[in-house]
Amino acid sequence: MARFVLTRRSPLPPADCWERLTAWPRHGERVPFTRVGVARGTGREVGDLVLARTSLGPLGFDDPMEIVELVPPGPGRDGLCRLAKRGRPVRGGAVLGVRAAGGGSAVTWSEELRITGLPGFTDPIVASAARLVFGRVLDRLLEP
């Protein structure tokens, strides 16, 4: 399984970072050939389904992610969103976290990915590519 962790600091308060992290359609703005939206619910509750659709012409695949834990940041409380990947081609999960830090926020994005059909020895390559792509997404989401 490919694993990566991203950490960013932001001058924004935790509530603002949280709103940006859970604005699911914005996630697709930096992932090539991908659109992200909410397929079930509001995208703000446990059980809701976030769907990333990656396609190029007639070829494509869905990456459905169920929200399995969701705790918005609040006074004395860190924010946490745990997603379980429920699709065929991509399995695993992601955890997005926000905490107050130095007058702003510290944000983490950790993910475990298993891509169907790829052998385990490709995990470091998948992790490096994912770190690059999702790092760009995170940077864009947190732009002041």
Protein backbone atom coordinates (compact mmCIF):
# COMPACT_ATOMS: atom_id res chain seq x y z
CA MET A 1 0.00 0.00 0.00
CA ALA A 2 1.31 3.45 -0.93
CA ARG A 3 1.39 5.84 2.01
CA PHE A 4 2.14 9.54 2.33
CA VAL A 5 1.69 12.38 4.81
CA LEU A 6 1.55 16.07 3.96
CA THR A 7 1.82 18.85 6.53
CA ARG A 8 1.24 22.54 5.90
CA ARG A 9 1.07 25.68 8.05
CA SER A 10 -1.47 28.36 7.29
CA PRO A 11 -2.06 31.85 8.69
CA LEU A 12 -5.79 31.10 8.47
CA PRO A 13 -7.71 30.11 11.60
CA PRO A 14 -8.68 26.42 11.94
CA ALA A 15 -12.35 27.04 11.05
CA ASP A 16 -11.36 28.64 7.73
CA CYS A 17 -8.91 25.85 6.91
CA TRP A 18 -11.62 23.31 7.72
CA GLU A 19 -14.12 24.99 5.40
CA ARG A 20 -11.58 24.91 2.59
CA LEU A 21 -10.56 21.28 3.21
CA THR A 22 -14.16 20.11 3.14
CA ALA A 23 -15.13 22.13 0.05
CA TRP A 24 -14.94 18.91 -1.96
CA PRO A 25 -15.42 20.30 -5.50
CA ARG A 26 -12.31 22.49 -5.02
CA HIS A 27 -10.20 19.33 -4.60
CA GLY A 28 -10.62 18.59 -8.30
CA GLU A 29 -9.22 21.94 -9.41
CA ARG A 30 -5.61 20.72 -9.21
CA VAL A 31 -6.01 17.00 -9.99
CA PRO A 32 -5.63 16.47 -13.74
CA PHE A 33 -8.74 15.18 -15.55
CA THR A 34 -10.65 14.90 -12.27
CA ARG A 35 -13.89 16.33 -10.91
CA VAL A 36 -14.86 15.98 -7.27
CA GLY A 37 -18.32 16.38 -5.81
CA VAL A 38 -20.72 15.07 -3.24
CA ALA A 39 -22.64 12.02 -4.43
CA ARG A 40 -24.65 11.41 -1.25
CA GLY A 41 -25.57 13.86 1.51
CA THR A 42 -24.08 17.27 2.06
CA GLY A 43 -20.43 16.24 2.32
CA ARG A 44 -20.43 17.43 5.93
CA GLU A 45 -21.71 14.36 7.81
CA VAL A 46 -20.66 10.81 8.61
CA GLY A 47 -22.06 8.49 5.93
CA ASP A 48 -21.92 11.07 3.16
CA LEU A 49 -20.18 10.07 -0.06
CA VAL A 50 -17.60 12.18 -1.88
CA LEU A 51 -16.97 11.11 -5.47
CA ALA A 52 -13.86 11.83 -7.51
CA ARG A 53 -14.34 11.04 -11.20
CA THR A 54 -11.15 10.84 -13.26
CA SER A 55 -11.56 10.52 -17.01
CA LEU A 56 -9.92 11.22 -20.30
CA GLY A 57 -12.36 10.93 -23.14
CA PRO A 58 -14.38 7.72 -22.79
CA LEU A 59 -11.91 6.15 -20.34
CA GLY A 60 -12.26 6.82 -16.66
CA PHE A 61 -12.92 5.57 -13.16
CA ASP A 62 -14.71 6.61 -10.00
CA ASP A 63 -13.08 6.99 -6.60
CA PRO A 64 -15.96 7.03 -4.09
CA MET A 65 -14.95 8.04 -0.56
CA GLU A 66 -17.27 7.63 2.40
CA ILE A 67 -16.93 10.00 5.33
CA VAL A 68 -16.50 7.64 8.28
CA GLU A 69 -15.50 10.18 10.92
CA LEU A 70 -16.03 13.92 10.98
CA VAL A 71 -15.17 16.27 13.83
CA PRO A 72 -15.03 19.97 12.92
CA PRO A 73 -12.49 22.06 14.82
CA GLY A 74 -13.83 24.00 17.76
CA PRO A 75 -12.66 25.59 20.97
CA GLY A 76 -10.05 23.23 22.40
CA ARG A 77 -10.78 20.62 19.71
CA ASP A 78 -8.84 19.66 16.58
CA GLY A 79 -10.68 18.99 13.33
CA LEU A 80 -10.59 15.50 11.78
CA CYS A 81 -12.14 14.01 8.65
CA ARG A 82 -11.56 10.32 7.93
CA LEU A 83 -12.48 9.03 4.47
CA ALA A 84 -12.69 5.37 3.40
CA LYS A 85 -12.12 4.72 -0.29
CA ARG A 86 -14.91 2.41 -1.45
CA GLY A 87 -14.12 2.04 -5.15
CA ARG A 88 -12.80 -0.85 -7.17
CA PRO A 89 -9.69 0.63 -8.71
CA VAL A 90 -8.59 2.66 -5.68
CA ARG A 91 -8.82 1.36 -2.11
CA GLY A 92 -7.52 2.71 1.19
CA GLY A 93 -8.35 5.88 3.02
CA ALA A 94 -7.42 9.43 3.87
CA VAL A 95 -7.34 11.50 7.03
CA LEU A 96 -7.49 15.30 6.96
CA GLY A 97 -6.66 17.13 10.16
CA VAL A 98 -6.64 20.76 11.31
CA ARG A 99 -5.34 22.18 14.57
CA ALA A 100 -4.59 25.61 15.92
CA ALA A 101 -0.88 26.48 15.73
CA GLY A 102 0.97 29.73 16.32
CA GLY A 103 -1.84 32.14 15.52
CA GLY A 104 -2.91 30.11 12.48
CA SER A 105 -3.31 26.44 11.71
CA ALA A 106 -1.40 23.26 11.05
CA VAL A 107 -3.02 21.01 8.48
CA THR A 108 -2.22 17.36 7.78
CA TRP A 109 -3.34 15.09 4.97
CA SER A 110 -2.37 11.44 5.24
CA GLU A 111 -3.41 8.77 2.82
CA GLU A 112 -3.03 5.07 2.10
CA LEU A 113 -3.67 3.96 -1.49
CA ARG A 114 -3.87 0.61 -3.15
CA ILE A 115 -4.45 0.68 -6.88
CA THR A 116 -5.95 -2.51 -8.27
CA GLY A 117 -3.65 -4.30 -10.65
CA LEU A 118 -0.43 -2.58 -9.60
CA PRO A 119 2.16 -4.74 -7.87
CA GLY A 120 3.45 -3.74 -4.43
CA PHE A 121 6.88 -2.72 -5.71
CA THR A 122 5.22 0.30 -7.40
CA ASP A 123 4.01 1.69 -4.03
CA PRO A 124 6.91 4.17 -3.67
CA ILE A 125 6.21 5.54 -7.16
CA VAL A 126 2.49 5.83 -6.45
CA ALA A 127 3.20 7.52 -3.10
CA SER A 128 5.58 10.04 -4.73
CA ALA A 129 3.10 10.90 -7.48
CA ALA A 130 0.24 11.19 -4.97
CA ARG A 131 2.35 13.38 -2.67
CA LEU A 132 3.03 15.73 -5.58
CA VAL A 133 -0.57 15.90 -6.82
CA PHE A 134 -2.25 16.14 -3.43
CA GLY A 135 0.41 18.57 -2.19
CA ARG A 136 -0.65 20.91 -4.99
CA VAL A 137 -4.29 20.43 -4.03
CA LEU A 138 -3.56 21.21 -0.39
CA ASP A 139 -1.47 24.28 -1.25
CA ARG A 140 -4.26 25.62 -3.46
CA LEU A 141 -6.96 24.98 -0.86
CA LEU A 142 -5.00 26.86 1.81
CA GLU A 143 -4.02 29.90 -0.27
CA PRO A 144 -4.95 33.03 1.74
